[in-house]
Amino acid sequence: MFHKLSSALGIFAIKLNLLIMNAIEKEILSFKEVLELLGISKSSLYKLTSSNKIPFLKPTNGKLYFKREQVLLWLTQDKSQSEQPNISITPNSGKNGN
């Protein structure tokens, strides 16, 4: 019984690796493939697409697709400056003149 389970797990691991390799090599990725590539949740990816923070394609059938090259470019961009809050300093207008 243990040997059968071990063999099944080995086959599953091989299939999973093939799926991941296929996703890496494909030019157009599905929503699920981008989830696996980025290692994020569905809700996180939906938030990124709804706020147009990640490039995506939405053909007439309503499903979301992504160009692999654009996703990888987006992933490697320096987002630190774009995520900095806008802070404005207003002079203190208190009674003590400070």
PDB file of N, CA and C in Angstrom:
ATOM      1  N   MET A   1       0.830  -1.188   0.000  1.00  0.00           N
ATOM      2  CA  MET A   1       0.000   0.000   0.000  1.00  0.00           C
ATOM      3  C   MET A   1       0.876   1.255   0.000  1.00  0.00           C
ATOM      4  N   PHE A   2       1.899   1.291   0.853  1.00  0.00           N
ATOM      5  CA  PHE A   2       2.787   2.437   0.930  1.00  0.00           C
ATOM      6  C   PHE A   2       3.515   2.651  -0.393  1.00  0.00           C
ATOM      7  N   HIS A   3       3.920   1.566  -1.044  1.00  0.00           N
ATOM      8  CA  HIS A   3       4.643   1.654  -2.318  1.00  0.00           C
ATOM      9  C   HIS A   3       3.750   2.278  -3.395  1.00  0.00           C
ATOM     10  N   LYS A   4       2.465   1.924  -3.419  1.00  0.00           N
ATOM     11  CA  LYS A   4       1.538   2.494  -4.401  1.00  0.00           C
ATOM     12  C   LYS A   4       1.350   3.990  -4.160  1.00  0.00           C
ATOM     13  N   LEU A   5       1.227   4.358  -2.891  1.00  0.00           N
ATOM     14  CA  LEU A   5       1.071   5.772  -2.545  1.00  0.00           C
ATOM     15  C   LEU A   5       2.316   6.555  -2.917  1.00  0.00           C
ATOM     16  N   SER A   6       3.472   5.988  -2.647  1.00  0.00           N
ATOM     17  CA  SER A   6       4.730   6.640  -2.977  1.00  0.00           C
ATOM     18  C   SER A   6       4.863   6.822  -4.489  1.00  0.00           C
ATOM     19  N   SER A   7       4.482   5.814  -5.260  1.00  0.00           N
ATOM     20  CA  SER A   7       4.534   5.907  -6.721  1.00  0.00           C
ATOM     21  C   SER A   7       3.570   6.965  -7.234  1.00  0.00           C
ATOM     22  N   ALA A   8       2.375   7.010  -6.656  1.00  0.00           N
ATOM     23  CA  ALA A   8       1.380   7.995  -7.072  1.00  0.00           C
ATOM     24  C   ALA A   8       1.857   9.410  -6.781  1.00  0.00           C
ATOM     25  N   LEU A   9       2.485   9.603  -5.622  1.00  0.00           N
ATOM     26  CA  LEU A   9       3.015  10.925  -5.275  1.00  0.00           C
ATOM     27  C   LEU A   9       4.152  11.323  -6.214  1.00  0.00           C
ATOM     28  N   GLY A  10       4.981  10.360  -6.589  1.00  0.00           N
ATOM     29  CA  GLY A  10       6.077  10.634  -7.518  1.00  0.00           C
ATOM     30  C   GLY A  10       5.554  11.066  -8.882  1.00  0.00           C
ATOM     31  N   ILE A  11       4.534  10.388  -9.362  1.00  0.00           N
ATOM     32  CA  ILE A  11       3.925  10.741 -10.648  1.00  0.00           C
ATOM     33  C   ILE A  11       3.282  12.117 -10.563  1.00  0.00           C
ATOM     34  N   PHE A  12       2.602  12.380  -9.449  1.00  0.00           N
ATOM     35  CA  PHE A  12       1.981  13.691  -9.247  1.00  0.00           C
ATOM     36  C   PHE A  12       3.033  14.792  -9.266  1.00  0.00           C
ATOM     37  N   ALA A  13       4.151  14.576  -8.606  1.00  0.00           N
ATOM     38  CA  ALA A  13       5.221  15.582  -8.562  1.00  0.00           C
ATOM     39  C   ALA A  13       5.774  15.844  -9.958  1.00  0.00           C
ATOM     40  N   ILE A  14       5.934  14.798 -10.752  1.00  0.00           N
ATOM     41  CA  ILE A  14       6.430  14.957 -12.119  1.00  0.00           C
ATOM     42  C   ILE A  14       5.440  15.770 -12.948  1.00  0.00           C
ATOM     43  N   LYS A  15       4.154  15.444 -12.844  1.00  0.00           N
ATOM     44  CA  LYS A  15       3.129  16.184 -13.594  1.00  0.00           C
ATOM     45  C   LYS A  15       3.078  17.640 -13.168  1.00  0.00           C
ATOM     46  N   LEU A  16       3.209  17.891 -11.875  1.00  0.00           N
ATOM     47  CA  LEU A  16       3.194  19.260 -11.369  1.00  0.00           C
ATOM     48  C   LEU A  16       4.383  20.048 -11.917  1.00  0.00           C
ATOM     49  N   ASN A  17       5.558  19.434 -11.929  1.00  0.00           N
ATOM     50  CA  ASN A  17       6.740  20.099 -12.469  1.00  0.00           C
ATOM     51  C   ASN A  17       6.572  20.402 -13.955  1.00  0.00           C
ATOM     52  N   LEU A  18       5.971  19.487 -14.695  1.00  0.00           N
ATOM     53  CA  LEU A  18       5.729  19.718 -16.114  1.00  0.00           C
ATOM     54  C   LEU A  18       4.755  20.872 -16.327  1.00  0.00           C
ATOM     55  N   LEU A  19       3.724  20.945 -15.499  1.00  0.00           N
ATOM     56  CA  LEU A  19       2.762  22.042 -15.599  1.00  0.00           C
ATOM     57  C   LEU A  19       3.435  23.386 -15.323  1.00  0.00           C
ATOM     58  N   ILE A  20       4.279  23.419 -14.306  1.00  0.00           N
ATOM     59  CA  ILE A  20       4.981  24.655 -13.952  1.00  0.00           C
ATOM     60  C   ILE A  20       5.938  25.057 -15.070  1.00  0.00           C
ATOM     61  N   MET A  21       6.666  24.100 -15.611  1.00  0.00           N
ATOM     62  CA  MET A  21       7.589  24.390 -16.713  1.00  0.00           C
ATOM     63  C   MET A  21       6.824  24.896 -17.932  1.00  0.00           C
ATOM     64  N   ASN A  22       5.668  24.302 -18.201  1.00  0.00           N
ATOM     65  CA  ASN A  22       4.843  24.729 -19.325  1.00  0.00           C
ATOM     66  C   ASN A  22       4.365  26.162 -19.113  1.00  0.00           C
ATOM     67  N   ALA A  23       3.962  26.490 -17.900  1.00  0.00           N
ATOM     68  CA  ALA A  23       3.494  27.838 -17.593  1.00  0.00           C
ATOM     69  C   ALA A  23       4.612  28.852 -17.765  1.00  0.00           C
ATOM     70  N   ILE A  24       5.827  28.484 -17.440  1.00  0.00           N
ATOM     71  CA  ILE A  24       6.963  29.396 -17.553  1.00  0.00           C
ATOM     72  C   ILE A  24       7.284  29.661 -19.022  1.00  0.00           C
ATOM     73  N   GLU A  25       7.123  28.657 -19.863  1.00  0.00           N
ATOM     74  CA  GLU A  25       7.484  28.785 -21.267  1.00  0.00           C
ATOM     75  C   GLU A  25       6.382  29.383 -22.127  1.00  0.00           C
ATOM     76  N   LYS A  26       5.133  29.328 -21.698  1.00  0.00           N
ATOM     77  CA  LYS A  26       4.026  29.836 -22.486  1.00  0.00           C
ATOM     78  C   LYS A  26       4.089  31.353 -22.605  1.00  0.00           C
ATOM     79  N   GLU A  27       3.656  31.863 -23.752  1.00  0.00           N
ATOM     80  CA  GLU A  27       3.639  33.314 -23.953  1.00  0.00           C
ATOM     81  C   GLU A  27       2.426  33.952 -23.283  1.00  0.00           C
ATOM     82  N   ILE A  28       1.271  33.305 -23.391  1.00  0.00           N
ATOM     83  CA  ILE A  28       0.035  33.798 -22.786  1.00  0.00           C
ATOM     84  C   ILE A  28      -0.331  32.877 -21.626  1.00  0.00           C
ATOM     85  N   LEU A  29      -0.545  33.461 -20.447  1.00  0.00           N
ATOM     86  CA  LEU A  29      -0.851  32.689 -19.250  1.00  0.00           C
ATOM     87  C   LEU A  29      -2.287  32.919 -18.810  1.00  0.00           C
ATOM     88  N   SER A  30      -2.876  31.882 -18.241  1.00  0.00           N
ATOM     89  CA  SER A  30      -4.213  31.987 -17.676  1.00  0.00           C
ATOM     90  C   SER A  30      -4.127  32.618 -16.284  1.00  0.00           C
ATOM     91  N   PHE A  31      -5.266  32.951 -15.736  1.00  0.00           N
ATOM     92  CA  PHE A  31      -5.342  33.509 -14.385  1.00  0.00           C
ATOM     93  C   PHE A  31      -4.686  32.558 -13.390  1.00  0.00           C
ATOM     94  N   LYS A  32      -5.036  31.275 -13.503  1.00  0.00           N
ATOM     95  CA  LYS A  32      -4.503  30.266 -12.576  1.00  0.00           C
ATOM     96  C   LYS A  32      -2.983  30.135 -12.705  1.00  0.00           C
ATOM     97  N   GLU A  33      -2.488  30.195 -13.934  1.00  0.00           N
ATOM     98  CA  GLU A  33      -1.041  30.076 -14.145  1.00  0.00           C
ATOM     99  C   GLU A  33      -0.290  31.267 -13.544  1.00  0.00           C
ATOM    100  N   VAL A  34      -0.886  32.447 -13.597  1.00  0.00           N
ATOM    101  CA  VAL A  34      -0.250  33.623 -12.990  1.00  0.00           C
ATOM    102  C   VAL A  34      -0.272  33.509 -11.472  1.00  0.00           C
ATOM    103  N   LEU A  35      -1.362  32.951 -10.931  1.00  0.00           N
ATOM    104  CA  LEU A  35      -1.408  32.703  -9.480  1.00  0.00           C
ATOM    105  C   LEU A  35      -0.232  31.832  -9.060  1.00  0.00           C
ATOM    106  N   GLU A  36      -0.007  30.758  -9.809  1.00  0.00           N
ATOM    107  CA  GLU A  36       1.083  29.827  -9.492  1.00  0.00           C
ATOM    108  C   GLU A  36       2.444  30.487  -9.701  1.00  0.00           C
ATOM    109  N   LEU A  37       2.569  31.267 -10.778  1.00  0.00           N
ATOM    110  CA  LEU A  37       3.847  31.917 -11.072  1.00  0.00           C
ATOM    111  C   LEU A  37       4.223  32.928  -9.990  1.00  0.00           C
ATOM    112  N   LEU A  38       3.248  33.718  -9.544  1.00  0.00           N
ATOM    113  CA  LEU A  38       3.516  34.751  -8.543  1.00  0.00           C
ATOM    114  C   LEU A  38       3.401  34.249  -7.108  1.00  0.00           C
ATOM    115  N   GLY A  39       2.699  33.136  -6.921  1.00  0.00           N
ATOM    116  CA  GLY A  39       2.523  32.599  -5.573  1.00  0.00           C
ATOM    117  C   GLY A  39       1.621  33.461  -4.714  1.00  0.00           C
ATOM    118  N   ILE A  40       0.555  34.007  -5.312  1.00  0.00           N
ATOM    119  CA  ILE A  40      -0.367  34.866  -4.567  1.00  0.00           C
ATOM    120  C   ILE A  40      -1.773  34.283  -4.613  1.00  0.00           C
ATOM    121  N   SER A  41      -2.668  34.847  -3.812  1.00  0.00           N
ATOM    122  CA  SER A  41      -4.044  34.366  -3.744  1.00  0.00           C
ATOM    123  C   SER A  41      -4.881  34.939  -4.891  1.00  0.00           C
ATOM    124  N   LYS A  42      -6.043  34.329  -5.126  1.00  0.00           N
ATOM    125  CA  LYS A  42      -6.970  34.819  -6.157  1.00  0.00           C
ATOM    126  C   LYS A  42      -7.368  36.254  -5.875  1.00  0.00           C
ATOM    127  N   SER A  43      -7.700  36.526  -4.614  1.00  0.00           N
ATOM    128  CA  SER A  43      -8.159  37.878  -4.276  1.00  0.00           C
ATOM    129  C   SER A  43      -7.056  38.914  -4.511  1.00  0.00           C
ATOM    130  N   SER A  44      -5.814  38.548  -4.244  1.00  0.00           N
ATOM    131  CA  SER A  44      -4.703  39.482  -4.479  1.00  0.00           C
ATOM    132  C   SER A  44      -4.557  39.797  -5.961  1.00  0.00           C
ATOM    133  N   LEU A  45      -4.677  38.774  -6.801  1.00  0.00           N
ATOM    134  CA  LEU A  45      -4.547  38.990  -8.236  1.00  0.00           C
ATOM    135  C   LEU A  45      -5.734  39.786  -8.775  1.00  0.00           C
ATOM    136  N   TYR A  46      -6.936  39.513  -8.270  1.00  0.00           N
ATOM    137  CA  TYR A  46      -8.098  40.302  -8.676  1.00  0.00           C
ATOM    138  C   TYR A  46      -7.915  41.775  -8.296  1.00  0.00           C
ATOM    139  N   LYS A  47      -7.370  42.032  -7.119  1.00  0.00           N
ATOM    140  CA  LYS A  47      -7.129  43.417  -6.695  1.00  0.00           C
ATOM    141  C   LYS A  47      -6.122  44.098  -7.611  1.00  0.00           C
ATOM    142  N   LEU A  48      -5.074  43.367  -7.988  1.00  0.00           N
ATOM    143  CA  LEU A  48      -4.070  43.935  -8.887  1.00  0.00           C
ATOM    144  C   LEU A  48      -4.657  44.253 -10.254  1.00  0.00           C
ATOM    145  N   THR A  49      -5.535  43.382 -10.754  1.00  0.00           N
ATOM    146  CA  THR A  49      -6.130  43.634 -12.066  1.00  0.00           C
ATOM    147  C   THR A  49      -7.187  44.738 -11.997  1.00  0.00           C
ATOM    148  N   SER A  50      -8.005  44.743 -10.960  1.00  0.00           N
ATOM    149  CA  SER A  50      -9.064  45.747 -10.876  1.00  0.00           C
ATOM    150  C   SER A  50      -8.512  47.153 -10.682  1.00  0.00           C
ATOM    151  N   SER A  51      -7.337  47.251 -10.092  1.00  0.00           N
ATOM    152  CA  SER A  51      -6.700  48.560  -9.915  1.00  0.00           C
ATOM    153  C   SER A  51      -5.690  48.851 -11.031  1.00  0.00           C
ATOM    154  N   ASN A  52      -5.654  47.987 -12.042  1.00  0.00           N
ATOM    155  CA  ASN A  52      -4.743  48.130 -13.197  1.00  0.00           C
ATOM    156  C   ASN A  52      -3.278  48.247 -12.783  1.00  0.00           C
ATOM    157  N   LYS A  53      -2.897  47.542 -11.724  1.00  0.00           N
ATOM    158  CA  LYS A  53      -1.505  47.567 -11.274  1.00  0.00           C
ATOM    159  C   LYS A  53      -0.663  46.516 -11.985  1.00  0.00           C
ATOM    160  N   ILE A  54      -1.315  45.526 -12.593  1.00  0.00           N
ATOM    161  CA  ILE A  54      -0.622  44.486 -13.337  1.00  0.00           C
ATOM    162  C   ILE A  54      -1.241  44.430 -14.732  1.00  0.00           C
ATOM    163  N   PRO A  55      -0.420  44.310 -15.779  1.00  0.00           N
ATOM    164  CA  PRO A  55      -0.980  44.273 -17.136  1.00  0.00           C
ATOM    165  C   PRO A  55      -1.708  42.951 -17.399  1.00  0.00           C
ATOM    166  N   PHE A  56      -2.863  43.044 -18.047  1.00  0.00           N
ATOM    167  CA  PHE A  56      -3.638  41.842 -18.366  1.00  0.00           C
ATOM    168  C   PHE A  56      -4.440  42.056 -19.632  1.00  0.00           C
ATOM    169  N   LEU A  57      -4.941  40.954 -20.159  1.00  0.00           N
ATOM    170  CA  LEU A  57      -5.796  40.959 -21.348  1.00  0.00           C
ATOM    171  C   LEU A  57      -7.155  40.435 -20.939  1.00  0.00           C
ATOM    172  N   LYS A  58      -8.204  41.017 -21.508  1.00  0.00           N
ATOM    173  CA  LYS A  58      -9.556  40.533 -21.217  1.00  0.00           C
ATOM    174  C   LYS A  58     -10.332  40.479 -22.533  1.00  0.00           C
ATOM    175  N   PRO A  59     -10.222  39.346 -23.244  1.00  0.00           N
ATOM    176  CA  PRO A  59     -10.980  39.194 -24.492  1.00  0.00           C
ATOM    177  C   PRO A  59     -12.489  39.215 -24.204  1.00  0.00           C
ATOM    178  N   THR A  60     -13.260  39.151 -25.228  1.00  0.00           N
ATOM    179  CA  THR A  60     -14.712  39.294 -25.091  1.00  0.00           C
ATOM    180  C   THR A  60     -15.374  38.229 -24.225  1.00  0.00           C
ATOM    181  N   ASN A  61     -14.734  37.099 -23.998  1.00  0.00           N
ATOM    182  CA  ASN A  61     -15.360  36.046 -23.178  1.00  0.00           C
ATOM    183  C   ASN A  61     -15.277  36.325 -21.678  1.00  0.00           C
ATOM    184  N   GLY A  62     -14.603  37.390 -21.280  1.00  0.00           N
ATOM    185  CA  GLY A  62     -14.575  37.790 -19.882  1.00  0.00           C
ATOM    186  C   GLY A  62     -13.462  37.188 -19.042  1.00  0.00           C
ATOM    187  N   LYS A  63     -12.778  36.176 -19.552  1.00  0.00           N
ATOM    188  CA  LYS A  63     -11.671  35.593 -18.794  1.00  0.00           C
ATOM    189  C   LYS A  63     -10.451  36.489 -18.890  1.00  0.00           C
ATOM    190  N   LEU A  64      -9.618  36.446 -17.843  1.00  0.00           N
ATOM    191  CA  LEU A  64      -8.404  37.248 -17.811  1.00  0.00           C
ATOM    192  C   LEU A  64      -7.208  36.412 -18.261  1.00  0.00           C
ATOM    193  N   TYR A  65      -6.366  37.011 -19.079  1.00  0.00           N
ATOM    194  CA  TYR A  65      -5.134  36.389 -19.536  1.00  0.00           C
ATOM    195  C   TYR A  65      -3.999  37.384 -19.364  1.00  0.00           C
ATOM    196  N   PHE A  66      -2.786  36.867 -19.361  1.00  0.00           N
ATOM    197  CA  PHE A  66      -1.620  37.692 -19.102  1.00  0.00           C
ATOM    198  C   PHE A  66      -0.494  37.309 -20.048  1.00  0.00           C
ATOM    199  N   LYS A  67       0.238  38.299 -20.549  1.00  0.00           N
ATOM    200  CA  LYS A  67       1.440  38.017 -21.318  1.00  0.00           C
ATOM    201  C   LYS A  67       2.565  37.760 -20.325  1.00  0.00           C
ATOM    202  N   ARG A  68       3.173  36.598 -20.442  1.00  0.00           N
ATOM    203  CA  ARG A  68       4.226  36.186 -19.509  1.00  0.00           C
ATOM    204  C   ARG A  68       5.312  37.242 -19.390  1.00  0.00           C
ATOM    205  N   GLU A  69       5.763  37.764 -20.516  1.00  0.00           N
ATOM    206  CA  GLU A  69       6.842  38.756 -20.516  1.00  0.00           C
ATOM    207  C   GLU A  69       6.436  40.005 -19.736  1.00  0.00           C
ATOM    208  N   GLN A  70       5.187  40.447 -19.894  1.00  0.00           N
ATOM    209  CA  GLN A  70       4.728  41.636 -19.176  1.00  0.00           C
ATOM    210  C   GLN A  70       4.611  41.380 -17.675  1.00  0.00           C
ATOM    211  N   VAL A  71       4.172  40.181 -17.305  1.00  0.00           N
ATOM    212  CA  VAL A  71       4.054  39.844 -15.883  1.00  0.00           C
ATOM    213  C   VAL A  71       5.440  39.824 -15.236  1.00  0.00           C
ATOM    214  N   LEU A  72       6.404  39.216 -15.914  1.00  0.00           N
ATOM    215  CA  LEU A  72       7.762  39.151 -15.373  1.00  0.00           C
ATOM    216  C   LEU A  72       8.389  40.540 -15.305  1.00  0.00           C
ATOM    217  N   LEU A  73       8.124  41.383 -16.296  1.00  0.00           N
ATOM    218  CA  LEU A  73       8.621  42.748 -16.268  1.00  0.00           C
ATOM    219  C   LEU A  73       7.983  43.522 -15.114  1.00  0.00           C
ATOM    220  N   TRP A  74       6.673  43.363 -14.938  1.00  0.00           N
ATOM    221  CA  TRP A  74       5.965  44.019 -13.836  1.00  0.00           C
ATOM    222  C   TRP A  74       6.548  43.572 -12.492  1.00  0.00           C
ATOM    223  N   LEU A  75       6.840  42.282 -12.385  1.00  0.00           N
ATOM    224  CA  LEU A  75       7.357  41.724 -11.142  1.00  0.00           C
ATOM    225  C   LEU A  75       8.723  42.299 -10.785  1.00  0.00           C
ATOM    226  N   THR A  76       9.517  42.614 -11.798  1.00  0.00           N
ATOM    227  CA  THR A  76      10.883  43.078 -11.538  1.00  0.00           C
ATOM    228  C   THR A  76      10.998  44.596 -11.479  1.00  0.00           C
ATOM    229  N   GLN A  77       9.906  45.320 -11.723  1.00  0.00           N
ATOM    230  CA  GLN A  77       9.953  46.778 -11.646  1.00  0.00           C
ATOM    231  C   GLN A  77      10.098  47.229 -10.204  1.00  0.00           C
ATOM    232  N   ASP A  78      10.769  48.363 -10.035  1.00  0.00           N
ATOM    233  CA  ASP A  78      10.920  48.957  -8.705  1.00  0.00           C
ATOM    234  C   ASP A  78       9.653  49.734  -8.391  1.00  0.00           C
ATOM    235  N   LYS A  79       8.812  49.149  -7.534  1.00  0.00           N
ATOM    236  CA  LYS A  79       7.537  49.763  -7.184  1.00  0.00           C
ATOM    237  C   LYS A  79       7.640  50.616  -5.932  1.00  0.00           C
ATOM    238  N   SER A  80       8.819  50.705  -5.325  1.00  0.00           N
ATOM    239  CA  SER A  80       8.956  51.402  -4.048  1.00  0.00           C
ATOM    240  C   SER A  80       8.590  52.879  -4.161  1.00  0.00           C
ATOM    241  N   GLN A  81       8.942  53.529  -5.269  1.00  0.00           N
ATOM    242  CA  GLN A  81       8.612  54.940  -5.417  1.00  0.00           C
ATOM    243  C   GLN A  81       7.132  55.134  -5.675  1.00  0.00           C
ATOM    244  N   SER A  82       6.506  54.251  -6.468  1.00  0.00           N
ATOM    245  CA  SER A  82       5.094  54.423  -6.788  1.00  0.00           C
ATOM    246  C   SER A  82       4.198  54.105  -5.602  1.00  0.00           C
ATOM    247  N   GLU A  83       4.711  53.378  -4.626  1.00  0.00           N
ATOM    248  CA  GLU A  83       3.906  53.021  -3.475  1.00  0.00           C
ATOM    249  C   GLU A  83       4.118  53.956  -2.280  1.00  0.00           C
ATOM    250  N   GLN A  84       4.978  54.939  -2.419  1.00  0.00           N
ATOM    251  CA  GLN A  84       5.222  55.879  -1.333  1.00  0.00           C
ATOM    252  C   GLN A  84       4.005  56.785  -1.181  1.00  0.00           C
ATOM    253  N   PRO A  85       3.527  57.008   0.021  1.00  0.00           N
ATOM    254  CA  PRO A  85       2.374  57.898   0.205  1.00  0.00           C
ATOM    255  C   PRO A  85       2.744  59.342  -0.104  1.00  0.00           C
ATOM    256  N   ASN A  86       1.764  60.079  -0.591  1.00  0.00           N
ATOM    257  CA  ASN A  86       1.960  61.509  -0.816  1.00  0.00           C
ATOM    258  C   ASN A  86       1.764  62.222   0.513  1.00  0.00           C
ATOM    259  N   ILE A  87       2.821  62.832   1.009  1.00  0.00           N
ATOM    260  CA  ILE A  87       2.764  63.516   2.294  1.00  0.00           C
ATOM    261  C   ILE A  87       2.957  65.003   2.053  1.00  0.00           C
ATOM    262  N   SER A  88       2.021  65.780   2.510  1.00  0.00           N
ATOM    263  CA  SER A  88       2.188  67.228   2.414  1.00  0.00           C
ATOM    264  C   SER A  88       2.350  67.777   3.819  1.00  0.00           C
ATOM    265  N   ILE A  89       3.251  68.703   3.967  1.00  0.00           N
ATOM    266  CA  ILE A  89       3.528  69.291   5.285  1.00  0.00           C
ATOM    267  C   ILE A  89       2.844  70.654   5.329  1.00  0.00           C
ATOM    268  N   THR A  90       1.962  70.783   6.289  1.00  0.00           N
ATOM    269  CA  THR A  90       1.230  72.032   6.475  1.00  0.00           C
ATOM    270  C   THR A  90       1.801  72.742   7.688  1.00  0.00           C
ATOM    271  N   PRO A  91       2.125  74.030   7.551  1.00  0.00           N
ATOM    272  CA  PRO A  91       2.667  74.763   8.715  1.00  0.00           C
ATOM    273  C   PRO A  91       1.653  74.780   9.855  1.00  0.00           C
ATOM    274  N   ASN A  92       2.172  74.715  11.069  1.00  0.00           N
ATOM    275  CA  ASN A  92       1.328  74.737  12.250  1.00  0.00           C
ATOM    276  C   ASN A  92       0.754  76.137  12.435  1.00  0.00           C
ATOM    277  N   SER A  93      -0.533  76.240  12.568  1.00  0.00           N
ATOM    278  CA  SER A  93      -1.159  77.552  12.745  1.00  0.00           C
ATOM    279  C   SER A  93      -1.718  77.683  14.150  1.00  0.00           C
ATOM    280  N   GLY A  94      -1.009  77.128  15.132  1.00  0.00           N
ATOM    281  CA  GLY A  94      -1.465  77.162  16.520  1.00  0.00           C
ATOM    282  C   GLY A  94      -1.336  78.537  17.140  1.00  0.00           C
ATOM    283  N   LYS A  95      -1.924  78.719  18.324  1.00  0.00           N
ATOM    284  CA  LYS A  95      -1.942  80.011  19.022  1.00  0.00           C
ATOM    285  C   LYS A  95      -0.563  80.427  19.524  1.00  0.00           C
ATOM    286  N   ASN A  96       0.328  79.436  19.771  1.00  0.00           N
ATOM    287  CA  ASN A  96       1.612  79.781  20.355  1.00  0.00           C
ATOM    288  C   ASN A  96       2.643  80.220  19.301  1.00  0.00           C
ATOM    289  N   GLY A  97       2.234  80.305  18.021  1.00  0.00           N
ATOM    290  CA  GLY A  97       3.120  80.831  17.003  1.00  0.00           C
ATOM    291  C   GLY A  97       4.110  79.815  16.461  1.00  0.00           C
ATOM    292  N   ASN A  98       4.022  78.532  16.854  1.00  0.00           N
ATOM    293  CA  ASN A  98       4.938  77.502  16.348  1.00  0.00           C
ATOM    294  C   ASN A  98       4.518  76.983  15.030  1.00  0.00           C
TER     295      ASN A  98
END
